[in-house]
Amino acid sequence: MGYLLNRAANIIAARFSDELKLHGINLQIWRVLAALDHKDGQSVTDLASHTAAELSYLSRSLADIEKRGLVVRVTSSQDKRTVRLSLTPAGRRLVKALVPCGEEVESMALAGIPKADVEAMQRGLQAVYHNVVAGTQKDVAMGVNRKLTVARRARQRTRD
C-alpha cells in the first residue's frame, strides 16, 4: 500500500508543481501557504507537522517565503518566545489564485471514482496516518525518525 500511496502522491505533486512554477513558487512554498490559509497563526513546529517538512528545511524555506512578502512572523502576545506565522495580503492573493489549479489537478486525479469511494478513501487515509503516528510499543525501543516525532508532538498539542 505504501508504494501505491507514494506513487500516486508523487505524480499528483509533479502535475501540480508544473502549475506552481507558472507562479514562481515550488511545492514546499505552496504547502506552507495552503497550511496557513487553512489555519493562520501557526508556530513553525505546527507548520512542520502540517506540511510534512523537516524543521531545518522549513526554516530555510520560510526565510525565502518571507523575502517574497508572502508570510510574516508575529510574536505571540501570550508568550513572547513563541513566533506565529501569518499570510500577508500578497500571500492570500496567491493562494486564492492557485486554489482553482489545485482543484483542477484533484478533479483529474479523482475522475471516474464515485463520490462515496472518494469519501471512504479520505477516511481510510486519515486512519492510516493516525495509526502510524500512534505507533506501537516497538517504536519506543527502536526510536523514531524526526517526522514522526514532530507529528506526535502536534497530535499531543491538539489534545491538550
N, C-alpha and C. Protein backbone atom coordinates (compact mmCIF):
# COMPACT_ATOMS: atom_id res chain seq x y z
N MET A 1 0.81 -1.19 0.00
CA MET A 1 0.00 0.00 0.00
C MET A 1 0.86 1.26 0.00
N GLY A 2 1.95 1.24 0.78
CA GLY A 2 2.83 2.40 0.84
C GLY A 2 3.36 2.79 -0.52
N TYR A 3 3.70 1.77 -1.33
CA TYR A 3 4.21 2.02 -2.67
C TYR A 3 3.17 2.76 -3.51
N LEU A 4 1.92 2.29 -3.47
CA LEU A 4 0.87 2.91 -4.27
C LEU A 4 0.56 4.33 -3.79
N LEU A 5 0.55 4.52 -2.47
CA LEU A 5 0.31 5.86 -1.93
C LEU A 5 1.41 6.82 -2.39
N ASN A 6 2.65 6.38 -2.29
CA ASN A 6 3.78 7.21 -2.67
C ASN A 6 3.75 7.51 -4.17
N ARG A 7 3.45 6.51 -4.96
CA ARG A 7 3.41 6.68 -6.41
C ARG A 7 2.34 7.69 -6.81
N ALA A 8 1.15 7.55 -6.24
CA ALA A 8 0.06 8.48 -6.55
C ALA A 8 0.40 9.89 -6.08
N ALA A 9 0.91 10.01 -4.86
CA ALA A 9 1.25 11.33 -4.32
C ALA A 9 2.32 12.01 -5.16
N ASN A 10 3.31 11.26 -5.59
CA ASN A 10 4.40 11.85 -6.39
C ASN A 10 3.92 12.36 -7.74
N ILE A 11 3.04 11.63 -8.39
CA ILE A 11 2.59 12.07 -9.71
C ILE A 11 1.62 13.24 -9.59
N ILE A 12 0.80 13.25 -8.55
CA ILE A 12 -0.09 14.39 -8.32
C ILE A 12 0.75 15.63 -8.01
N ALA A 13 1.76 15.47 -7.16
CA ALA A 13 2.65 16.59 -6.81
C ALA A 13 3.38 17.11 -8.05
N ALA A 14 3.84 16.21 -8.90
CA ALA A 14 4.54 16.62 -10.12
C ALA A 14 3.62 17.43 -11.02
N ARG A 15 2.39 16.98 -11.16
CA ARG A 15 1.43 17.68 -12.01
C ARG A 15 1.12 19.07 -11.46
N PHE A 16 0.91 19.17 -10.16
CA PHE A 16 0.60 20.46 -9.54
C PHE A 16 1.83 21.37 -9.55
N SER A 17 3.01 20.78 -9.41
CA SER A 17 4.25 21.57 -9.43
C SER A 17 4.40 22.33 -10.73
N ASP A 18 3.97 21.74 -11.83
CA ASP A 18 4.02 22.44 -13.11
C ASP A 18 3.19 23.71 -13.07
N GLU A 19 2.04 23.65 -12.44
CA GLU A 19 1.19 24.85 -12.30
C GLU A 19 1.86 25.88 -11.39
N LEU A 20 2.46 25.40 -10.30
CA LEU A 20 3.09 26.31 -9.35
C LEU A 20 4.25 27.08 -9.97
N LYS A 21 5.00 26.40 -10.82
CA LYS A 21 6.15 27.05 -11.49
C LYS A 21 5.71 28.28 -12.27
N LEU A 22 4.51 28.22 -12.85
CA LEU A 22 3.99 29.36 -13.60
C LEU A 22 3.80 30.59 -12.71
N HIS A 23 3.69 30.36 -11.40
CA HIS A 23 3.51 31.44 -10.43
C HIS A 23 4.79 31.72 -9.64
N GLY A 24 5.88 31.06 -10.04
CA GLY A 24 7.18 31.32 -9.43
C GLY A 24 7.39 30.72 -8.06
N ILE A 25 6.62 29.67 -7.74
CA ILE A 25 6.82 29.01 -6.44
C ILE A 25 6.95 27.50 -6.64
N ASN A 26 7.40 26.84 -5.59
CA ASN A 26 7.51 25.38 -5.63
C ASN A 26 6.50 24.75 -4.67
N LEU A 27 6.51 23.43 -4.63
CA LEU A 27 5.54 22.70 -3.82
C LEU A 27 5.69 22.99 -2.32
N GLN A 28 6.93 23.14 -1.85
CA GLN A 28 7.15 23.44 -0.43
C GLN A 28 6.52 24.79 -0.05
N ILE A 29 6.71 25.79 -0.88
CA ILE A 29 6.11 27.10 -0.61
C ILE A 29 4.59 26.97 -0.63
N TRP A 30 4.06 26.24 -1.60
CA TRP A 30 2.61 26.05 -1.66
C TRP A 30 2.08 25.40 -0.39
N ARG A 31 2.77 24.37 0.08
CA ARG A 31 2.30 23.67 1.28
C ARG A 31 2.24 24.61 2.47
N VAL A 32 3.23 25.49 2.60
CA VAL A 32 3.22 26.47 3.69
C VAL A 32 2.05 27.43 3.53
N LEU A 33 1.89 27.97 2.34
CA LEU A 33 0.80 28.92 2.10
C LEU A 33 -0.57 28.28 2.33
N ALA A 34 -0.75 27.06 1.82
CA ALA A 34 -2.03 26.37 1.98
C ALA A 34 -2.31 26.05 3.45
N ALA A 35 -1.26 25.63 4.17
CA ALA A 35 -1.44 25.31 5.60
C ALA A 35 -1.82 26.56 6.38
N LEU A 36 -1.20 27.69 6.05
CA LEU A 36 -1.53 28.94 6.75
C LEU A 36 -2.89 29.48 6.31
N ASP A 37 -3.28 29.22 5.07
CA ASP A 37 -4.61 29.62 4.63
C ASP A 37 -5.66 28.82 5.38
N HIS A 38 -5.36 27.54 5.63
CA HIS A 38 -6.28 26.68 6.38
C HIS A 38 -6.36 27.10 7.84
N LYS A 39 -5.20 27.40 8.44
CA LYS A 39 -5.15 27.81 9.85
C LYS A 39 -4.00 28.80 10.02
N ASP A 40 -4.34 30.07 10.01
CA ASP A 40 -3.33 31.11 10.12
C ASP A 40 -2.79 31.18 11.55
N GLY A 41 -1.59 31.70 11.71
CA GLY A 41 -1.03 31.89 13.04
C GLY A 41 -0.40 30.64 13.63
N GLN A 42 0.07 29.73 12.80
CA GLN A 42 0.69 28.51 13.30
C GLN A 42 2.13 28.78 13.72
N SER A 43 2.62 27.97 14.65
CA SER A 43 4.04 28.01 15.00
C SER A 43 4.81 27.26 13.92
N VAL A 44 6.12 27.43 13.92
CA VAL A 44 6.96 26.73 12.95
C VAL A 44 6.83 25.22 13.14
N THR A 45 6.78 24.76 14.38
CA THR A 45 6.66 23.33 14.66
C THR A 45 5.33 22.78 14.14
N ASP A 46 4.25 23.50 14.38
CA ASP A 46 2.95 23.07 13.86
C ASP A 46 2.96 23.02 12.34
N LEU A 47 3.56 24.04 11.75
CA LEU A 47 3.64 24.10 10.30
C LEU A 47 4.47 22.94 9.74
N ALA A 48 5.54 22.59 10.43
CA ALA A 48 6.36 21.45 10.00
C ALA A 48 5.53 20.17 9.98
N SER A 49 4.70 20.00 10.99
CA SER A 49 3.84 18.82 11.05
C SER A 49 2.82 18.82 9.91
N HIS A 50 2.18 19.96 9.70
CA HIS A 50 1.13 20.04 8.69
C HIS A 50 1.65 19.95 7.27
N THR A 51 2.90 20.34 7.06
CA THR A 51 3.47 20.30 5.70
C THR A 51 4.38 19.10 5.49
N ALA A 52 4.58 18.29 6.52
CA ALA A 52 5.46 17.12 6.46
C ALA A 52 6.89 17.52 6.08
N ALA A 53 7.33 18.66 6.60
CA ALA A 53 8.68 19.16 6.30
C ALA A 53 9.57 19.04 7.53
N GLU A 54 10.84 18.79 7.29
CA GLU A 54 11.83 18.82 8.37
C GLU A 54 11.96 20.26 8.85
N LEU A 55 12.12 20.45 10.14
CA LEU A 55 12.20 21.80 10.70
C LEU A 55 13.32 22.63 10.08
N SER A 56 14.48 22.03 9.89
CA SER A 56 15.60 22.80 9.33
C SER A 56 15.30 23.24 7.90
N TYR A 57 14.73 22.34 7.11
CA TYR A 57 14.38 22.67 5.73
C TYR A 57 13.28 23.72 5.70
N LEU A 58 12.31 23.56 6.57
CA LEU A 58 11.20 24.51 6.63
C LEU A 58 11.69 25.89 7.02
N SER A 59 12.60 25.97 7.97
CA SER A 59 13.14 27.27 8.40
C SER A 59 13.80 28.00 7.24
N ARG A 60 14.56 27.28 6.44
CA ARG A 60 15.19 27.91 5.26
C ARG A 60 14.14 28.35 4.26
N SER A 61 13.12 27.54 4.05
CA SER A 61 12.05 27.90 3.12
C SER A 61 11.29 29.13 3.60
N LEU A 62 11.06 29.20 4.91
CA LEU A 62 10.33 30.34 5.47
C LEU A 62 11.07 31.64 5.25
N ALA A 63 12.39 31.61 5.33
CA ALA A 63 13.18 32.82 5.09
C ALA A 63 12.92 33.32 3.66
N ASP A 64 12.90 32.40 2.70
CA ASP A 64 12.63 32.75 1.31
C ASP A 64 11.20 33.26 1.14
N ILE A 65 10.25 32.60 1.77
CA ILE A 65 8.85 32.99 1.65
C ILE A 65 8.63 34.38 2.25
N GLU A 66 9.31 34.66 3.35
CA GLU A 66 9.21 35.99 3.96
C GLU A 66 9.79 37.06 3.03
N LYS A 67 10.94 36.77 2.42
CA LYS A 67 11.56 37.73 1.48
C LYS A 67 10.63 38.05 0.33
N ARG A 68 9.85 37.08 -0.07
CA ARG A 68 8.89 37.28 -1.16
C ARG A 68 7.67 38.08 -0.71
N GLY A 69 7.55 38.31 0.61
CA GLY A 69 6.43 39.08 1.12
C GLY A 69 5.13 38.31 1.20
N LEU A 70 5.22 36.97 1.30
CA LEU A 70 4.02 36.14 1.34
C LEU A 70 3.61 35.75 2.75
N VAL A 71 4.58 35.77 3.66
CA VAL A 71 4.36 35.36 5.05
C VAL A 71 5.08 36.34 5.96
N VAL A 72 4.53 36.53 7.14
CA VAL A 72 5.17 37.38 8.15
C VAL A 72 5.20 36.63 9.47
N ARG A 73 6.26 36.83 10.23
CA ARG A 73 6.37 36.25 11.57
C ARG A 73 5.82 37.25 12.58
N VAL A 74 5.00 36.75 13.50
CA VAL A 74 4.39 37.60 14.52
C VAL A 74 4.68 36.98 15.89
N THR A 75 5.22 37.78 16.80
CA THR A 75 5.48 37.29 18.15
C THR A 75 4.14 37.15 18.88
N SER A 76 3.97 36.04 19.54
CA SER A 76 2.73 35.76 20.27
C SER A 76 2.53 36.78 21.38
N SER A 77 1.32 37.28 21.52
CA SER A 77 1.02 38.22 22.60
C SER A 77 0.97 37.50 23.95
N GLN A 78 0.74 36.18 23.93
CA GLN A 78 0.65 35.40 25.16
C GLN A 78 2.01 34.94 25.66
N ASP A 79 2.92 34.66 24.73
CA ASP A 79 4.25 34.15 25.09
C ASP A 79 5.25 34.74 24.11
N LYS A 80 6.05 35.68 24.57
CA LYS A 80 6.98 36.41 23.70
C LYS A 80 8.02 35.50 23.06
N ARG A 81 8.19 34.29 23.57
CA ARG A 81 9.16 33.34 22.98
C ARG A 81 8.57 32.61 21.78
N THR A 82 7.26 32.67 21.65
CA THR A 82 6.59 31.95 20.58
C THR A 82 6.36 32.86 19.38
N VAL A 83 6.74 32.36 18.22
CA VAL A 83 6.55 33.09 16.97
C VAL A 83 5.48 32.37 16.16
N ARG A 84 4.54 33.12 15.67
CA ARG A 84 3.47 32.59 14.83
C ARG A 84 3.66 33.12 13.41
N LEU A 85 3.22 32.35 12.45
CA LEU A 85 3.34 32.73 11.04
C LEU A 85 1.97 33.05 10.48
N SER A 86 1.91 34.12 9.70
CA SER A 86 0.65 34.53 9.10
C SER A 86 0.87 34.91 7.65
N LEU A 87 -0.15 34.68 6.86
CA LEU A 87 -0.12 35.10 5.47
C LEU A 87 -0.23 36.62 5.38
N THR A 88 0.48 37.19 4.44
CA THR A 88 0.32 38.60 4.13
C THR A 88 -0.81 38.71 3.10
N PRO A 89 -1.27 39.92 2.81
CA PRO A 89 -2.27 40.06 1.75
C PRO A 89 -1.79 39.48 0.41
N ALA A 90 -0.51 39.65 0.10
CA ALA A 90 0.03 39.06 -1.14
C ALA A 90 -0.02 37.53 -1.09
N GLY A 91 0.26 36.96 0.07
CA GLY A 91 0.17 35.51 0.24
C GLY A 91 -1.25 35.02 0.05
N ARG A 92 -2.20 35.74 0.60
CA ARG A 92 -3.61 35.36 0.44
C ARG A 92 -4.06 35.44 -1.02
N ARG A 93 -3.60 36.47 -1.72
CA ARG A 93 -3.96 36.59 -3.14
C ARG A 93 -3.39 35.42 -3.95
N LEU A 94 -2.15 35.04 -3.64
CA LEU A 94 -1.53 33.94 -4.36
C LEU A 94 -2.27 32.63 -4.10
N VAL A 95 -2.64 32.38 -2.85
CA VAL A 95 -3.41 31.17 -2.53
C VAL A 95 -4.73 31.18 -3.30
N LYS A 96 -5.40 32.32 -3.29
CA LYS A 96 -6.69 32.42 -3.99
C LYS A 96 -6.53 32.14 -5.48
N ALA A 97 -5.42 32.59 -6.06
CA ALA A 97 -5.18 32.35 -7.49
C ALA A 97 -4.85 30.89 -7.78
N LEU A 98 -4.21 30.19 -6.82
CA LEU A 98 -3.76 28.82 -7.05
C LEU A 98 -4.77 27.74 -6.68
N VAL A 99 -5.73 28.06 -5.83
CA VAL A 99 -6.71 27.06 -5.41
C VAL A 99 -7.42 26.43 -6.60
N PRO A 100 -7.86 27.19 -7.61
CA PRO A 100 -8.51 26.54 -8.75
C PRO A 100 -7.58 25.56 -9.48
N CYS A 101 -6.29 25.86 -9.54
CA CYS A 101 -5.33 24.94 -10.17
C CYS A 101 -5.27 23.64 -9.38
N GLY A 102 -5.21 23.75 -8.06
CA GLY A 102 -5.18 22.56 -7.21
C GLY A 102 -6.45 21.75 -7.34
N GLU A 103 -7.58 22.44 -7.42
CA GLU A 103 -8.86 21.75 -7.57
C GLU A 103 -8.94 21.02 -8.91
N GLU A 104 -8.36 21.64 -9.94
CA GLU A 104 -8.35 21.01 -11.26
C GLU A 104 -7.51 19.72 -11.26
N VAL A 105 -6.35 19.78 -10.62
CA VAL A 105 -5.49 18.58 -10.53
C VAL A 105 -6.21 17.50 -9.71
N GLU A 106 -6.85 17.91 -8.62
CA GLU A 106 -7.58 16.95 -7.80
C GLU A 106 -8.72 16.32 -8.58
N SER A 107 -9.45 17.11 -9.33
CA SER A 107 -10.54 16.57 -10.15
C SER A 107 -10.02 15.57 -11.17
N MET A 108 -8.88 15.88 -11.77
CA MET A 108 -8.25 14.98 -12.73
C MET A 108 -7.89 13.66 -12.05
N ALA A 109 -7.31 13.76 -10.86
CA ALA A 109 -6.87 12.56 -10.14
C ALA A 109 -8.05 11.69 -9.72
N LEU A 110 -9.17 12.31 -9.42
CA LEU A 110 -10.32 11.56 -8.90
C LEU A 110 -11.37 11.25 -9.96
N ALA A 111 -11.09 11.59 -11.21
CA ALA A 111 -12.06 11.37 -12.29
C ALA A 111 -12.47 9.89 -12.35
N GLY A 112 -13.77 9.68 -12.44
CA GLY A 112 -14.30 8.33 -12.58
C GLY A 112 -14.44 7.56 -11.28
N ILE A 113 -14.03 8.15 -10.17
CA ILE A 113 -14.15 7.47 -8.87
C ILE A 113 -15.43 7.99 -8.21
N PRO A 114 -16.36 7.11 -7.86
CA PRO A 114 -17.61 7.56 -7.23
C PRO A 114 -17.33 8.34 -5.94
N LYS A 115 -18.19 9.33 -5.69
CA LYS A 115 -18.04 10.20 -4.52
C LYS A 115 -17.95 9.39 -3.23
N ALA A 116 -18.75 8.37 -3.09
CA ALA A 116 -18.72 7.54 -1.87
C ALA A 116 -17.35 6.88 -1.71
N ASP A 117 -16.74 6.46 -2.81
CA ASP A 117 -15.42 5.85 -2.75
C ASP A 117 -14.35 6.88 -2.36
N VAL A 118 -14.49 8.09 -2.88
CA VAL A 118 -13.54 9.16 -2.53
C VAL A 118 -13.65 9.46 -1.03
N GLU A 119 -14.87 9.55 -0.53
CA GLU A 119 -15.06 9.81 0.90
C GLU A 119 -14.48 8.68 1.75
N ALA A 120 -14.69 7.45 1.32
CA ALA A 120 -14.13 6.30 2.05
C ALA A 120 -12.61 6.33 1.99
N MET A 121 -12.06 6.69 0.84
CA MET A 121 -10.61 6.77 0.70
C MET A 121 -10.04 7.85 1.63
N GLN A 122 -10.71 9.00 1.72
CA GLN A 122 -10.24 10.06 2.61
C GLN A 122 -10.26 9.60 4.06
N ARG A 123 -11.34 8.96 4.46
CA ARG A 123 -11.41 8.43 5.83
C ARG A 123 -10.31 7.40 6.08
N GLY A 124 -10.13 6.54 5.10
CA GLY A 124 -9.10 5.50 5.22
C GLY A 124 -7.70 6.08 5.33
N LEU A 125 -7.39 7.07 4.50
CA LEU A 125 -6.06 7.68 4.54
C LEU A 125 -5.82 8.42 5.86
N GLN A 126 -6.86 9.07 6.37
CA GLN A 126 -6.74 9.72 7.68
C GLN A 126 -6.48 8.68 8.76
N ALA A 127 -7.16 7.57 8.69
CA ALA A 127 -6.95 6.49 9.66
C ALA A 127 -5.54 5.92 9.54
N VAL A 128 -5.06 5.71 8.32
CA VAL A 128 -3.70 5.21 8.12
C VAL A 128 -2.70 6.16 8.77
N TYR A 129 -2.85 7.46 8.52
CA TYR A 129 -1.95 8.46 9.09
C TYR A 129 -1.97 8.39 10.62
N HIS A 130 -3.15 8.42 11.20
CA HIS A 130 -3.26 8.41 12.67
C HIS A 130 -2.75 7.11 13.26
N ASN A 131 -2.99 5.98 12.59
CA ASN A 131 -2.47 4.70 13.08
C ASN A 131 -0.95 4.69 13.13
N VAL A 132 -0.32 5.21 12.07
CA VAL A 132 1.14 5.20 12.02
C VAL A 132 1.71 6.20 13.03
N VAL A 133 1.07 7.34 13.18
CA VAL A 133 1.54 8.30 14.18
C VAL A 133 1.43 7.70 15.58
N ALA A 134 0.33 7.01 15.85
CA ALA A 134 0.16 6.40 17.17
C ALA A 134 1.24 5.36 17.43
N GLY A 135 1.59 4.59 16.40
CA GLY A 135 2.67 3.62 16.53
C GLY A 135 2.39 2.50 17.50
N THR A 136 3.47 1.85 17.91
CA THR A 136 3.39 0.71 18.82
C THR A 136 4.47 0.83 19.89
N GLN A 137 4.45 -0.08 20.84
CA GLN A 137 5.49 -0.10 21.87
C GLN A 137 6.86 -0.37 21.26
N LYS A 138 6.89 -1.08 20.15
CA LYS A 138 8.15 -1.37 19.48
C LYS A 138 8.85 -0.07 19.07
N ASP A 139 8.06 0.96 18.73
CA ASP A 139 8.62 2.27 18.35
C ASP A 139 9.51 2.84 19.46
N VAL A 140 9.07 2.68 20.68
CA VAL A 140 9.81 3.23 21.81
C VAL A 140 11.20 2.59 21.89
N ALA A 141 11.26 1.30 21.70
CA ALA A 141 12.54 0.59 21.77
C ALA A 141 13.44 0.95 20.58
N MET A 142 12.85 1.13 19.41
CA MET A 142 13.62 1.42 18.20
C MET A 142 14.02 2.88 18.08
N GLY A 143 13.25 3.77 18.67
CA GLY A 143 13.42 5.19 18.38
C GLY A 143 12.62 5.50 17.12
N VAL A 144 12.34 6.73 16.88
CA VAL A 144 11.56 7.10 15.71
C VAL A 144 12.24 8.24 14.98
N ASN A 145 11.91 8.39 13.69
CA ASN A 145 12.53 9.48 12.93
C ASN A 145 11.89 10.82 13.28
N ARG A 146 12.50 11.88 12.81
CA ARG A 146 12.11 13.24 13.16
C ARG A 146 10.68 13.57 12.72
N LYS A 147 10.29 13.16 11.53
CA LYS A 147 8.94 13.49 11.06
C LYS A 147 7.87 12.88 11.96
N LEU A 148 8.10 11.66 12.38
CA LEU A 148 7.14 11.01 13.26
C LEU A 148 7.10 11.69 14.62
N THR A 149 8.25 12.09 15.12
CA THR A 149 8.30 12.80 16.40
C THR A 149 7.52 14.10 16.33
N VAL A 150 7.71 14.86 15.25
CA VAL A 150 7.00 16.13 15.08
C VAL A 150 5.50 15.89 14.97
N ALA A 151 5.08 14.87 14.22
CA ALA A 151 3.66 14.56 14.08
C ALA A 151 3.05 14.19 15.42
N ARG A 152 3.79 13.43 16.22
CA ARG A 152 3.26 13.04 17.54
C ARG A 152 3.14 14.24 18.47
N ARG A 153 4.11 15.13 18.41
CA ARG A 153 4.03 16.33 19.26
C ARG A 153 2.83 17.19 18.85
N ALA A 154 2.61 17.33 17.55
CA ALA A 154 1.48 18.12 17.07
C ALA A 154 0.17 17.48 17.51
N ARG A 155 0.08 16.18 17.43
CA ARG A 155 -1.13 15.46 17.86
C ARG A 155 -1.38 15.70 19.36
N GLN A 156 -0.31 15.64 20.14
CA GLN A 156 -0.44 15.83 21.59
C GLN A 156 -0.92 17.25 21.91
N ARG A 157 -0.40 18.26 21.18
CA ARG A 157 -0.82 19.64 21.42
C ARG A 157 -2.29 19.84 21.11
N THR A 158 -2.80 19.14 20.10
CA THR A 158 -4.22 19.30 19.76
C THR A 158 -5.11 18.64 20.81
N ARG A 159 -4.57 17.69 21.54
CA ARG A 159 -5.34 17.04 22.62
C ARG A 159 -5.36 17.89 23.88
N ASP A 160 -4.30 18.67 24.10
CA ASP A 160 -4.19 19.49 25.33
C ASP A 160 -5.12 20.66 25.31
